Amino acid sequence: MKKTEIESFFATLQAANPTPETELEYSTPFELLAAVLLSAQATDVGVNKATRKLYPVANTPQAILDLGVEGLESHIKTIGLYRSKAKHLNEACRMLVEQHGGEVPKTRAELEALPGVGRKTANVVLNVAFGEPTMAVDTHIFRVGNRTGLAPGKTPLEVELKLEKRVPPAYRLHAHHWLILHGRYVCVARKPLCYQCAVAPYCDYKPKTPAP
């Protein structure tokens, strides 16, 4: 994708969805952090199903600690890898209570120090909860970045750093949501829906898949 096409690419995505939002359900930075931690190798739909049962019972670090690991497991067992996720979330809650007064920290280093929180999770929290223009590269963004030619890279970090360089400042705050949603619903893994893609004119992918 040429530099001159990137502006049009994002302007088109913005016109279709001016204020994109995460599909994870949350009402506080901690609920978002917990949901993102639980979402690894799981769908947002599956996570929302579990947190709708969990959050009315426990939606603060202390409340989750009070549940204990087994109590937490019973609320999230519909999610894949729920045992290890329960352990990580419980340990993260302990650190939040002991080191951060029960509040979610606002720096990448402090977030990544929490058990179960990697760079992608930290980037989501910084972007969605705190309005930082970060790029949380998941499988969808990795695919879209490479397939379109917007930000080719062999690793998520490489794609992230390319996006930080190539996405115009005006679009950085919402860029990762536009790319996730585009990858989730249009630029899908096996047969991308090129025939209904609004940004196809700016995309390097050949051949374009025709309408069925």
N, C-alpha and C. Protein backbone atom coordinates (compact mmCIF):
# COMPACT_ATOMS: atom_id res chain seq x y z
N MET A 1 0.84 -1.19 0.00
CA MET A 1 0.00 0.00 0.00
C MET A 1 0.88 1.25 0.00
N LYS A 2 0.64 2.13 -0.98
CA LYS A 2 1.44 3.34 -1.06
C LYS A 2 1.06 4.30 0.05
N LYS A 3 2.02 5.13 0.44
CA LYS A 3 1.79 6.10 1.51
C LYS A 3 0.61 7.01 1.17
N THR A 4 0.48 7.37 -0.10
CA THR A 4 -0.60 8.27 -0.52
C THR A 4 -1.97 7.62 -0.38
N GLU A 5 -2.02 6.27 -0.34
CA GLU A 5 -3.31 5.57 -0.24
C GLU A 5 -3.76 5.36 1.21
N ILE A 6 -2.82 5.51 2.15
CA ILE A 6 -3.15 5.22 3.56
C ILE A 6 -4.20 6.18 4.10
N GLU A 7 -4.08 7.47 3.75
CA GLU A 7 -5.06 8.47 4.18
C GLU A 7 -6.46 8.08 3.70
N SER A 8 -6.58 7.70 2.42
CA SER A 8 -7.89 7.32 1.86
C SER A 8 -8.41 6.04 2.51
N PHE A 9 -7.51 5.10 2.78
CA PHE A 9 -7.87 3.84 3.44
C PHE A 9 -8.55 4.12 4.78
N PHE A 10 -7.94 4.95 5.60
CA PHE A 10 -8.50 5.22 6.93
C PHE A 10 -9.69 6.17 6.88
N ALA A 11 -9.66 7.11 5.94
CA ALA A 11 -10.81 8.02 5.79
C ALA A 11 -12.07 7.23 5.44
N THR A 12 -11.90 6.19 4.61
CA THR A 12 -13.03 5.33 4.22
C THR A 12 -13.56 4.54 5.41
N LEU A 13 -12.64 3.97 6.20
CA LEU A 13 -13.06 3.22 7.39
C LEU A 13 -13.74 4.14 8.40
N GLN A 14 -13.20 5.35 8.54
CA GLN A 14 -13.79 6.31 9.48
C GLN A 14 -15.19 6.74 9.05
N ALA A 15 -15.37 6.96 7.74
CA ALA A 15 -16.68 7.39 7.24
C ALA A 15 -17.75 6.35 7.53
N ALA A 16 -17.36 5.07 7.45
CA ALA A 16 -18.32 3.98 7.68
C ALA A 16 -18.61 3.78 9.17
N ASN A 17 -17.65 4.14 10.03
CA ASN A 17 -17.78 3.89 11.47
C ASN A 17 -16.98 4.96 12.21
N PRO A 18 -17.56 6.15 12.41
CA PRO A 18 -16.79 7.28 12.96
C PRO A 18 -16.20 7.04 14.35
N THR A 19 -16.92 6.34 15.21
CA THR A 19 -16.41 6.12 16.57
C THR A 19 -16.48 4.63 16.93
N PRO A 20 -15.54 3.85 16.42
CA PRO A 20 -15.57 2.40 16.68
C PRO A 20 -15.28 2.11 18.15
N GLU A 21 -15.86 1.03 18.64
CA GLU A 21 -15.65 0.66 20.04
C GLU A 21 -15.33 -0.83 20.14
N THR A 22 -14.71 -1.19 21.25
CA THR A 22 -14.45 -2.60 21.50
C THR A 22 -15.77 -3.36 21.63
N GLU A 23 -15.78 -4.62 21.25
CA GLU A 23 -17.00 -5.43 21.41
C GLU A 23 -17.04 -6.13 22.77
N LEU A 24 -15.99 -5.95 23.57
CA LEU A 24 -16.01 -6.46 24.94
C LEU A 24 -16.88 -5.52 25.79
N GLU A 25 -17.67 -6.10 26.66
CA GLU A 25 -18.56 -5.30 27.52
C GLU A 25 -17.83 -4.97 28.83
N TYR A 26 -17.83 -3.69 29.20
CA TYR A 26 -17.16 -3.27 30.44
C TYR A 26 -17.72 -1.92 30.86
N SER A 27 -17.54 -1.57 32.11
CA SER A 27 -17.97 -0.24 32.57
C SER A 27 -16.88 0.49 33.36
N THR A 28 -15.78 -0.19 33.68
CA THR A 28 -14.66 0.44 34.39
C THR A 28 -13.35 -0.05 33.77
N PRO A 29 -12.24 0.67 33.98
CA PRO A 29 -10.95 0.18 33.48
C PRO A 29 -10.62 -1.22 33.98
N PHE A 30 -10.99 -1.55 35.23
CA PHE A 30 -10.69 -2.89 35.71
C PHE A 30 -11.51 -3.95 34.98
N GLU A 31 -12.79 -3.68 34.75
CA GLU A 31 -13.62 -4.65 34.02
C GLU A 31 -13.05 -4.87 32.61
N LEU A 32 -12.55 -3.80 32.00
CA LEU A 32 -11.93 -3.95 30.68
C LEU A 32 -10.67 -4.80 30.77
N LEU A 33 -9.81 -4.49 31.73
CA LEU A 33 -8.57 -5.26 31.91
C LEU A 33 -8.86 -6.74 32.10
N ALA A 34 -9.82 -7.05 32.97
CA ALA A 34 -10.16 -8.44 33.23
C ALA A 34 -10.71 -9.11 31.98
N ALA A 35 -11.57 -8.40 31.25
CA ALA A 35 -12.16 -8.97 30.03
C ALA A 35 -11.09 -9.25 28.98
N VAL A 36 -10.15 -8.32 28.81
CA VAL A 36 -9.09 -8.52 27.81
C VAL A 36 -8.19 -9.68 28.22
N LEU A 37 -7.89 -9.77 29.52
CA LEU A 37 -7.07 -10.88 30.02
C LEU A 37 -7.76 -12.22 29.74
N LEU A 38 -9.08 -12.24 29.90
CA LEU A 38 -9.84 -13.48 29.67
C LEU A 38 -10.03 -13.79 28.18
N SER A 39 -9.77 -12.79 27.31
CA SER A 39 -10.12 -12.96 25.89
C SER A 39 -9.06 -13.68 25.06
N ALA A 40 -7.90 -13.97 25.64
CA ALA A 40 -6.85 -14.66 24.87
C ALA A 40 -7.38 -16.00 24.36
N GLN A 41 -7.25 -16.22 23.05
CA GLN A 41 -7.73 -17.44 22.40
C GLN A 41 -9.21 -17.72 22.70
N ALA A 42 -9.98 -16.65 22.83
CA ALA A 42 -11.43 -16.78 23.04
C ALA A 42 -12.11 -15.65 22.27
N THR A 43 -13.38 -15.80 21.99
CA THR A 43 -14.10 -14.75 21.27
C THR A 43 -14.65 -13.72 22.26
N ASP A 44 -14.85 -12.51 21.76
CA ASP A 44 -15.46 -11.48 22.61
C ASP A 44 -16.85 -11.90 23.06
N VAL A 45 -17.58 -12.58 22.18
CA VAL A 45 -18.93 -13.06 22.53
C VAL A 45 -18.86 -14.01 23.72
N GLY A 46 -17.89 -14.94 23.67
CA GLY A 46 -17.74 -15.90 24.77
C GLY A 46 -17.32 -15.24 26.07
N VAL A 47 -16.44 -14.24 25.97
CA VAL A 47 -16.00 -13.52 27.18
C VAL A 47 -17.16 -12.73 27.78
N ASN A 48 -17.93 -12.05 26.92
CA ASN A 48 -19.07 -11.27 27.42
C ASN A 48 -20.08 -12.15 28.14
N LYS A 49 -20.27 -13.36 27.63
CA LYS A 49 -21.21 -14.29 28.25
C LYS A 49 -20.77 -14.62 29.68
N ALA A 50 -19.45 -14.78 29.84
CA ALA A 50 -18.92 -15.11 31.17
C ALA A 50 -18.93 -13.90 32.10
N THR A 51 -18.52 -12.74 31.59
CA THR A 51 -18.43 -11.57 32.47
C THR A 51 -19.80 -11.05 32.88
N ARG A 52 -20.83 -11.36 32.08
CA ARG A 52 -22.19 -10.97 32.49
C ARG A 52 -22.61 -11.69 33.77
N LYS A 53 -22.02 -12.87 33.98
CA LYS A 53 -22.30 -13.61 35.22
C LYS A 53 -21.33 -13.20 36.33
N LEU A 54 -20.08 -12.92 35.93
CA LEU A 54 -19.05 -12.61 36.93
C LEU A 54 -19.20 -11.22 37.52
N TYR A 55 -19.37 -10.20 36.68
CA TYR A 55 -19.29 -8.82 37.17
C TYR A 55 -20.39 -8.42 38.17
N PRO A 56 -21.61 -8.93 38.04
CA PRO A 56 -22.59 -8.59 39.08
C PRO A 56 -22.19 -9.13 40.46
N VAL A 57 -21.36 -10.17 40.47
CA VAL A 57 -20.90 -10.79 41.73
C VAL A 57 -19.58 -10.18 42.18
N ALA A 58 -18.67 -9.97 41.24
CA ALA A 58 -17.34 -9.44 41.56
C ALA A 58 -16.79 -8.66 40.38
N ASN A 59 -16.65 -7.34 40.54
CA ASN A 59 -16.12 -6.51 39.45
C ASN A 59 -15.04 -5.55 39.92
N THR A 60 -14.39 -5.89 41.06
CA THR A 60 -13.23 -5.13 41.53
C THR A 60 -12.14 -6.14 41.89
N PRO A 61 -10.88 -5.69 41.94
CA PRO A 61 -9.81 -6.62 42.30
C PRO A 61 -10.06 -7.31 43.65
N GLN A 62 -10.49 -6.54 44.64
CA GLN A 62 -10.71 -7.14 45.96
C GLN A 62 -11.85 -8.14 45.94
N ALA A 63 -12.92 -7.83 45.23
CA ALA A 63 -14.06 -8.75 45.16
C ALA A 63 -13.67 -10.06 44.48
N ILE A 64 -12.81 -9.98 43.47
CA ILE A 64 -12.36 -11.21 42.79
C ILE A 64 -11.43 -12.01 43.70
N LEU A 65 -10.57 -11.31 44.45
CA LEU A 65 -9.73 -12.01 45.43
C LEU A 65 -10.60 -12.73 46.46
N ASP A 66 -11.69 -12.07 46.88
CA ASP A 66 -12.58 -12.67 47.88
C ASP A 66 -13.26 -13.93 47.35
N LEU A 67 -13.45 -14.00 46.03
CA LEU A 67 -14.05 -15.20 45.43
C LEU A 67 -13.11 -16.40 45.56
N GLY A 68 -11.79 -16.12 45.48
CA GLY A 68 -10.81 -17.21 45.45
C GLY A 68 -10.72 -17.78 44.04
N VAL A 69 -9.67 -18.53 43.79
CA VAL A 69 -9.44 -19.06 42.43
C VAL A 69 -10.57 -20.00 42.02
N GLU A 70 -10.98 -20.88 42.91
CA GLU A 70 -12.04 -21.85 42.56
C GLU A 70 -13.36 -21.14 42.30
N GLY A 71 -13.66 -20.15 43.12
CA GLY A 71 -14.89 -19.38 42.92
C GLY A 71 -14.88 -18.65 41.59
N LEU A 72 -13.71 -18.10 41.24
CA LEU A 72 -13.56 -17.41 39.96
C LEU A 72 -13.71 -18.40 38.81
N GLU A 73 -13.09 -19.56 38.94
CA GLU A 73 -13.19 -20.59 37.90
C GLU A 73 -14.65 -20.94 37.60
N SER A 74 -15.45 -21.03 38.64
CA SER A 74 -16.85 -21.44 38.44
C SER A 74 -17.63 -20.42 37.61
N HIS A 75 -17.19 -19.16 37.62
CA HIS A 75 -17.88 -18.13 36.85
C HIS A 75 -17.37 -18.02 35.41
N ILE A 76 -16.14 -18.50 35.16
CA ILE A 76 -15.56 -18.30 33.81
C ILE A 76 -15.26 -19.62 33.09
N LYS A 77 -15.80 -20.71 33.59
CA LYS A 77 -15.42 -22.02 33.03
C LYS A 77 -15.92 -22.25 31.60
N THR A 78 -16.79 -21.37 31.11
CA THR A 78 -17.23 -21.50 29.72
C THR A 78 -16.17 -20.97 28.75
N ILE A 79 -15.13 -20.29 29.27
CA ILE A 79 -14.06 -19.74 28.43
C ILE A 79 -12.90 -20.73 28.36
N GLY A 80 -12.30 -20.85 27.18
CA GLY A 80 -11.14 -21.73 27.03
C GLY A 80 -10.00 -21.32 27.95
N LEU A 81 -9.23 -22.30 28.40
CA LEU A 81 -8.08 -22.09 29.28
C LEU A 81 -8.48 -21.39 30.58
N TYR A 82 -9.70 -21.69 31.06
CA TYR A 82 -10.23 -20.92 32.19
C TYR A 82 -9.42 -21.11 33.47
N ARG A 83 -8.80 -22.29 33.66
CA ARG A 83 -8.04 -22.50 34.90
C ARG A 83 -6.82 -21.58 34.97
N SER A 84 -6.04 -21.53 33.89
CA SER A 84 -4.85 -20.67 33.91
C SER A 84 -5.25 -19.19 33.92
N LYS A 85 -6.35 -18.86 33.25
CA LYS A 85 -6.81 -17.48 33.25
C LYS A 85 -7.29 -17.05 34.64
N ALA A 86 -7.96 -17.95 35.34
CA ALA A 86 -8.41 -17.65 36.70
C ALA A 86 -7.22 -17.39 37.61
N LYS A 87 -6.19 -18.21 37.44
CA LYS A 87 -4.98 -18.05 38.26
C LYS A 87 -4.31 -16.71 37.97
N HIS A 88 -4.15 -16.39 36.67
CA HIS A 88 -3.53 -15.13 36.29
C HIS A 88 -4.34 -13.93 36.78
N LEU A 89 -5.66 -13.98 36.58
CA LEU A 89 -6.50 -12.86 36.98
C LEU A 89 -6.46 -12.67 38.49
N ASN A 90 -6.47 -13.77 39.23
CA ASN A 90 -6.40 -13.70 40.69
C ASN A 90 -5.08 -13.06 41.13
N GLU A 91 -3.98 -13.49 40.51
CA GLU A 91 -2.66 -12.94 40.85
C GLU A 91 -2.57 -11.46 40.46
N ALA A 92 -3.15 -11.12 39.31
CA ALA A 92 -3.16 -9.71 38.88
C ALA A 92 -3.94 -8.85 39.87
N CYS A 93 -5.06 -9.38 40.33
CA CYS A 93 -5.87 -8.64 41.31
C CYS A 93 -5.10 -8.42 42.61
N ARG A 94 -4.34 -9.42 43.02
CA ARG A 94 -3.54 -9.27 44.24
C ARG A 94 -2.52 -8.14 44.07
N MET A 95 -1.87 -8.11 42.91
CA MET A 95 -0.90 -7.03 42.66
C MET A 95 -1.58 -5.67 42.59
N LEU A 96 -2.75 -5.62 41.98
CA LEU A 96 -3.48 -4.34 41.89
C LEU A 96 -3.82 -3.81 43.28
N VAL A 97 -4.26 -4.71 44.16
CA VAL A 97 -4.63 -4.31 45.53
C VAL A 97 -3.39 -3.91 46.32
N GLU A 98 -2.34 -4.73 46.24
CA GLU A 98 -1.15 -4.51 47.08
C GLU A 98 -0.27 -3.38 46.58
N GLN A 99 -0.21 -3.18 45.25
CA GLN A 99 0.74 -2.20 44.71
C GLN A 99 0.10 -0.96 44.10
N HIS A 100 -1.19 -1.04 43.78
CA HIS A 100 -1.82 0.09 43.06
C HIS A 100 -3.12 0.56 43.71
N GLY A 101 -3.34 0.18 44.97
CA GLY A 101 -4.55 0.63 45.66
C GLY A 101 -5.83 0.18 44.99
N GLY A 102 -5.77 -0.95 44.26
CA GLY A 102 -6.96 -1.49 43.60
C GLY A 102 -7.29 -0.80 42.28
N GLU A 103 -6.44 0.14 41.85
CA GLU A 103 -6.68 0.86 40.60
C GLU A 103 -5.83 0.27 39.47
N VAL A 104 -6.32 0.40 38.24
CA VAL A 104 -5.56 -0.06 37.07
C VAL A 104 -4.51 0.98 36.73
N PRO A 105 -3.23 0.58 36.67
CA PRO A 105 -2.18 1.56 36.35
C PRO A 105 -2.28 2.06 34.91
N LYS A 106 -1.70 3.23 34.67
CA LYS A 106 -1.85 3.87 33.36
C LYS A 106 -0.58 3.85 32.52
N THR A 107 0.40 3.03 32.91
CA THR A 107 1.61 2.94 32.10
C THR A 107 1.78 1.51 31.58
N ARG A 108 2.41 1.40 30.41
CA ARG A 108 2.61 0.09 29.80
C ARG A 108 3.44 -0.81 30.70
N ALA A 109 4.52 -0.26 31.28
CA ALA A 109 5.41 -1.08 32.11
C ALA A 109 4.67 -1.67 33.31
N GLU A 110 3.86 -0.85 33.96
CA GLU A 110 3.11 -1.34 35.13
C GLU A 110 2.05 -2.36 34.73
N LEU A 111 1.41 -2.13 33.60
CA LEU A 111 0.40 -3.08 33.12
C LEU A 111 1.04 -4.41 32.76
N GLU A 112 2.17 -4.36 32.04
CA GLU A 112 2.82 -5.59 31.60
C GLU A 112 3.44 -6.36 32.77
N ALA A 113 3.61 -5.70 33.92
CA ALA A 113 4.13 -6.39 35.10
C ALA A 113 3.06 -7.28 35.75
N LEU A 114 1.80 -7.08 35.37
CA LEU A 114 0.70 -7.88 35.94
C LEU A 114 0.69 -9.27 35.31
N PRO A 115 0.46 -10.32 36.09
CA PRO A 115 0.40 -11.69 35.54
C PRO A 115 -0.67 -11.81 34.46
N GLY A 116 -0.30 -12.44 33.35
CA GLY A 116 -1.26 -12.67 32.27
C GLY A 116 -1.45 -11.50 31.34
N VAL A 117 -0.76 -10.38 31.62
CA VAL A 117 -0.91 -9.19 30.78
C VAL A 117 0.34 -9.01 29.91
N GLY A 118 0.17 -9.17 28.60
CA GLY A 118 1.26 -8.97 27.66
C GLY A 118 1.12 -7.62 26.98
N ARG A 119 1.93 -7.41 25.98
CA ARG A 119 1.94 -6.12 25.27
C ARG A 119 0.59 -5.80 24.63
N LYS A 120 -0.03 -6.80 24.01
CA LYS A 120 -1.31 -6.57 23.34
C LYS A 120 -2.38 -6.14 24.34
N THR A 121 -2.48 -6.86 25.47
CA THR A 121 -3.48 -6.53 26.49
C THR A 121 -3.23 -5.13 27.03
N ALA A 122 -1.97 -4.83 27.32
CA ALA A 122 -1.63 -3.49 27.82
C ALA A 122 -2.04 -2.42 26.82
N ASN A 123 -1.79 -2.66 25.54
CA ASN A 123 -2.15 -1.69 24.51
C ASN A 123 -3.66 -1.47 24.42
N VAL A 124 -4.44 -2.54 24.57
CA VAL A 124 -5.90 -2.40 24.54
C VAL A 124 -6.36 -1.53 25.70
N VAL A 125 -5.86 -1.79 26.89
CA VAL A 125 -6.26 -1.02 28.08
C VAL A 125 -5.85 0.44 27.93
N LEU A 126 -4.62 0.68 27.49
CA LEU A 126 -4.14 2.05 27.31
C LEU A 126 -5.00 2.80 26.29
N ASN A 127 -5.40 2.10 25.23
CA ASN A 127 -6.19 2.74 24.17
C ASN A 127 -7.65 2.95 24.60
N VAL A 128 -8.29 1.87 25.02
CA VAL A 128 -9.74 1.92 25.25
C VAL A 128 -10.09 2.62 26.57
N ALA A 129 -9.34 2.31 27.63
CA ALA A 129 -9.67 2.89 28.94
C ALA A 129 -9.09 4.29 29.12
N PHE A 130 -7.89 4.52 28.54
CA PHE A 130 -7.19 5.76 28.85
C PHE A 130 -6.91 6.65 27.64
N GLY A 131 -7.44 6.28 26.47
CA GLY A 131 -7.36 7.16 25.30
C GLY A 131 -5.98 7.35 24.70
N GLU A 132 -5.10 6.36 24.89
CA GLU A 132 -3.76 6.44 24.29
C GLU A 132 -3.84 5.88 22.85
N PRO A 133 -3.12 6.47 21.90
CA PRO A 133 -3.19 6.00 20.50
C PRO A 133 -2.30 4.78 20.23
N THR A 134 -2.54 3.72 20.99
CA THR A 134 -1.72 2.51 20.86
C THR A 134 -2.30 1.56 19.81
N MET A 135 -1.48 0.62 19.35
CA MET A 135 -1.89 -0.37 18.34
C MET A 135 -1.80 -1.76 18.97
N ALA A 136 -2.92 -2.34 19.31
CA ALA A 136 -2.94 -3.68 19.92
C ALA A 136 -3.06 -4.70 18.79
N VAL A 137 -1.96 -5.32 18.42
CA VAL A 137 -1.94 -6.21 17.25
C VAL A 137 -2.37 -7.63 17.63
N ASP A 138 -3.60 -7.97 17.24
CA ASP A 138 -4.08 -9.35 17.42
C ASP A 138 -3.99 -10.07 16.08
N THR A 139 -4.57 -11.25 15.98
CA THR A 139 -4.48 -12.02 14.73
C THR A 139 -5.14 -11.27 13.56
N HIS A 140 -6.22 -10.54 13.84
CA HIS A 140 -6.92 -9.81 12.78
C HIS A 140 -6.05 -8.68 12.23
N ILE A 141 -5.48 -7.89 13.13
CA ILE A 141 -4.64 -6.76 12.69
C ILE A 141 -3.38 -7.27 12.01
N PHE A 142 -2.82 -8.35 12.53
CA PHE A 142 -1.62 -8.93 11.92
C PHE A 142 -1.92 -9.33 10.47
N ARG A 143 -3.07 -9.97 10.26
CA ARG A 143 -3.46 -10.40 8.91
C ARG A 143 -3.74 -9.20 8.01
N VAL A 144 -4.52 -8.24 8.50
CA VAL A 144 -4.87 -7.08 7.67
C VAL A 144 -3.62 -6.25 7.34
N GLY A 145 -2.74 -6.07 8.33
CA GLY A 145 -1.51 -5.31 8.09
C GLY A 145 -0.67 -5.92 7.00
N ASN A 146 -0.58 -7.26 7.02
CA ASN A 146 0.23 -7.96 6.01
C ASN A 146 -0.49 -8.08 4.67
N ARG A 147 -1.74 -8.46 4.70
CA ARG A 147 -2.47 -8.73 3.45
C ARG A 147 -2.66 -7.47 2.62
N THR A 148 -3.00 -6.37 3.28
CA THR A 148 -3.27 -5.13 2.54
C THR A 148 -2.00 -4.42 2.11
N GLY A 149 -0.89 -4.74 2.80
CA GLY A 149 0.35 -4.01 2.54
C GLY A 149 0.46 -2.76 3.39
N LEU A 150 -0.50 -2.55 4.29
CA LEU A 150 -0.47 -1.38 5.17
C LEU A 150 0.73 -1.42 6.11
N ALA A 151 0.95 -2.58 6.74
CA ALA A 151 2.05 -2.70 7.70
C ALA A 151 2.56 -4.13 7.71
N PRO A 152 3.30 -4.53 6.67
CA PRO A 152 3.80 -5.90 6.61
C PRO A 152 4.85 -6.15 7.69
N GLY A 153 4.80 -7.34 8.29
CA GLY A 153 5.79 -7.69 9.30
C GLY A 153 5.68 -9.17 9.64
N LYS A 154 6.78 -9.74 10.16
CA LYS A 154 6.79 -11.16 10.49
C LYS A 154 6.33 -11.44 11.90
N THR A 155 6.30 -10.42 12.74
CA THR A 155 5.86 -10.59 14.13
C THR A 155 4.84 -9.50 14.46
N PRO A 156 4.00 -9.74 15.49
CA PRO A 156 3.05 -8.69 15.90
C PRO A 156 3.75 -7.38 16.25
N LEU A 157 4.91 -7.46 16.90
CA LEU A 157 5.62 -6.23 17.27
C LEU A 157 6.07 -5.46 16.04
N GLU A 158 6.55 -6.19 15.04
CA GLU A 158 6.98 -5.54 13.79
C GLU A 158 5.81 -4.83 13.13
N VAL A 159 4.64 -5.48 13.09
CA VAL A 159 3.44 -4.86 12.51
C VAL A 159 3.04 -3.63 13.33
N GLU A 160 3.09 -3.76 14.66
CA GLU A 160 2.73 -2.65 15.54
C GLU A 160 3.61 -1.42 15.27
N LEU A 161 4.91 -1.64 15.21
CA LEU A 161 5.84 -0.52 15.01
C LEU A 161 5.67 0.11 13.62
N LYS A 162 5.35 -0.74 12.61
CA LYS A 162 5.08 -0.19 11.27
C LYS A 162 3.81 0.67 11.29
N LEU A 163 2.76 0.17 11.98
CA LEU A 163 1.52 0.93 12.06
C LEU A 163 1.76 2.29 12.72
N GLU A 164 2.56 2.29 13.79
CA GLU A 164 2.84 3.55 14.49
C GLU A 164 3.50 4.56 13.55
N LYS A 165 4.28 4.06 12.60
CA LYS A 165 4.95 4.96 11.64
C LYS A 165 4.02 5.37 10.51
N ARG A 166 3.15 4.45 10.07
CA ARG A 166 2.42 4.68 8.82
C ARG A 166 1.01 5.24 8.99
N VAL A 167 0.39 5.03 10.16
CA VAL A 167 -0.98 5.53 10.33
C VAL A 167 -0.92 7.04 10.60
N PRO A 168 -1.64 7.84 9.81
CA PRO A 168 -1.63 9.29 10.02
C PRO A 168 -2.14 9.63 11.43
N PRO A 169 -1.55 10.66 12.08
CA PRO A 169 -1.92 11.00 13.45
C PRO A 169 -3.43 11.15 13.69
N ALA A 170 -4.15 11.69 12.71
CA ALA A 170 -5.58 11.93 12.90
C ALA A 170 -6.38 10.63 13.09
N TYR A 171 -5.81 9.50 12.68
CA TYR A 171 -6.54 8.23 12.74
C TYR A 171 -6.00 7.28 13.81
N ARG A 172 -4.96 7.67 14.52
CA ARG A 172 -4.27 6.72 15.42
C ARG A 172 -5.12 6.24 16.59
N LEU A 173 -5.94 7.12 17.13
CA LEU A 173 -6.71 6.72 18.32
C LEU A 173 -7.63 5.54 18.03
N HIS A 174 -8.29 5.56 16.87
CA HIS A 174 -9.27 4.51 16.54
C HIS A 174 -8.74 3.46 15.57
N ALA A 175 -7.51 3.61 15.11
CA ALA A 175 -6.99 2.73 14.04
C ALA A 175 -7.08 1.26 14.41
N HIS A 176 -6.73 0.91 15.64
CA HIS A 176 -6.70 -0.52 15.94
C HIS A 176 -8.11 -1.11 15.95
N HIS A 177 -9.13 -0.32 16.33
CA HIS A 177 -10.51 -0.83 16.26
C HIS A 177 -10.98 -0.99 14.82
N TRP A 178 -10.68 -0.01 14.00
CA TRP A 178 -11.08 -0.13 12.58
C TRP A 178 -10.46 -1.38 11.96
N LEU A 179 -9.19 -1.61 12.25
CA LEU A 179 -8.50 -2.76 11.65
C LEU A 179 -9.01 -4.09 12.21
N ILE A 180 -9.28 -4.13 13.51
CA ILE A 180 -9.82 -5.37 14.11
C ILE A 180 -11.18 -5.70 13.49
N LEU A 181 -12.06 -4.71 13.45
CA LEU A 181 -13.41 -4.96 12.93
C LEU A 181 -13.36 -5.32 11.45
N HIS A 182 -12.45 -4.68 10.72
CA HIS A 182 -12.31 -5.00 9.30
C HIS A 182 -11.84 -6.45 9.12
N GLY A 183 -10.89 -6.85 9.95
CA GLY A 183 -10.39 -8.23 9.87
C GLY A 183 -11.39 -9.26 10.35
N ARG A 184 -12.21 -8.86 11.32
CA ARG A 184 -13.19 -9.79 11.89
C ARG A 184 -14.37 -10.04 10.96
N TYR A 185 -14.78 -9.00 10.22
CA TYR A 185 -16.02 -9.13 9.44
C TYR A 185 -15.87 -9.05 7.92
N VAL A 186 -14.77 -8.49 7.42
CA VAL A 186 -14.61 -8.35 5.97
C VAL A 186 -13.34 -9.05 5.48
N CYS A 187 -12.21 -8.65 6.02
CA CYS A 187 -10.93 -9.22 5.57
C CYS A 187 -10.63 -10.48 6.39
N VAL A 188 -11.55 -11.45 6.29
CA VAL A 188 -11.48 -12.65 7.11
C VAL A 188 -10.37 -13.58 6.61
N ALA A 189 -10.01 -14.54 7.45
CA ALA A 189 -8.81 -15.34 7.19
C ALA A 189 -8.87 -16.15 5.90
N ARG A 190 -9.90 -16.96 5.72
CA ARG A 190 -9.88 -17.92 4.60
C ARG A 190 -10.29 -17.32 3.28
N LYS A 191 -11.46 -16.69 3.26
CA LYS A 191 -11.93 -16.10 2.01
C LYS A 191 -12.36 -14.66 2.27
N PRO A 192 -11.43 -13.72 2.15
CA PRO A 192 -11.79 -12.32 2.41
C PRO A 192 -12.92 -11.87 1.49
N LEU A 193 -13.81 -11.03 2.03
CA LEU A 193 -14.98 -10.58 1.27
C LEU A 193 -14.64 -9.34 0.45
N CYS A 194 -13.68 -9.50 -0.46
CA CYS A 194 -13.17 -8.37 -1.24
C CYS A 194 -14.27 -7.68 -2.04
N TYR A 195 -15.25 -8.46 -2.48
CA TYR A 195 -16.32 -7.92 -3.32
C TYR A 195 -17.22 -6.95 -2.57
N GLN A 196 -17.16 -6.95 -1.22
CA GLN A 196 -17.96 -5.97 -0.47
C GLN A 196 -17.07 -5.10 0.42
N CYS A 197 -15.80 -5.01 0.05
CA CYS A 197 -14.82 -4.28 0.85
C CYS A 197 -14.68 -2.84 0.35
N ALA A 198 -14.95 -1.88 1.23
CA ALA A 198 -14.91 -0.46 0.86
C ALA A 198 -13.48 0.04 0.61
N VAL A 199 -12.50 -0.66 1.19
CA VAL A 199 -11.11 -0.19 1.04
C VAL A 199 -10.31 -1.03 0.03
N ALA A 200 -11.00 -1.88 -0.71
CA ALA A 200 -10.32 -2.72 -1.72
C ALA A 200 -9.48 -1.92 -2.71
N PRO A 201 -9.89 -0.71 -3.12
CA PRO A 201 -9.08 0.04 -4.09
C PRO A 201 -7.67 0.38 -3.59
N TYR A 202 -7.48 0.37 -2.28
CA TYR A 202 -6.18 0.76 -1.72
C TYR A 202 -5.36 -0.43 -1.25
N CYS A 203 -5.87 -1.62 -1.47
CA CYS A 203 -5.28 -2.84 -0.90
C CYS A 203 -4.38 -3.56 -1.90
N ASP A 204 -3.25 -4.07 -1.41
CA ASP A 204 -2.29 -4.77 -2.27
C ASP A 204 -2.67 -6.21 -2.58
N TYR A 205 -3.68 -6.75 -1.88
CA TYR A 205 -3.99 -8.18 -2.00
C TYR A 205 -4.50 -8.54 -3.39
N LYS A 206 -3.85 -9.54 -3.97
CA LYS A 206 -4.28 -10.07 -5.27
C LYS A 206 -4.29 -11.60 -5.15
N PRO A 207 -5.20 -12.33 -5.78
CA PRO A 207 -6.35 -11.77 -6.49
C PRO A 207 -7.47 -11.41 -5.51
N LYS A 208 -8.28 -10.48 -5.86
CA LYS A 208 -9.44 -10.14 -5.05
C LYS A 208 -10.47 -11.27 -5.19
N THR A 209 -11.05 -11.70 -4.08
CA THR A 209 -12.06 -12.74 -4.20
C THR A 209 -13.35 -12.17 -4.77
N PRO A 210 -13.92 -12.85 -5.78
CA PRO A 210 -15.14 -12.33 -6.41
C PRO A 210 -16.38 -12.63 -5.58
N ALA A 211 -17.47 -12.01 -5.95
CA ALA A 211 -18.75 -12.27 -5.27
C ALA A 211 -19.16 -13.72 -5.53
N PRO A 212 -19.78 -14.38 -4.56
CA PRO A 212 -20.19 -15.78 -4.77
C PRO A 212 -21.33 -15.87 -5.76
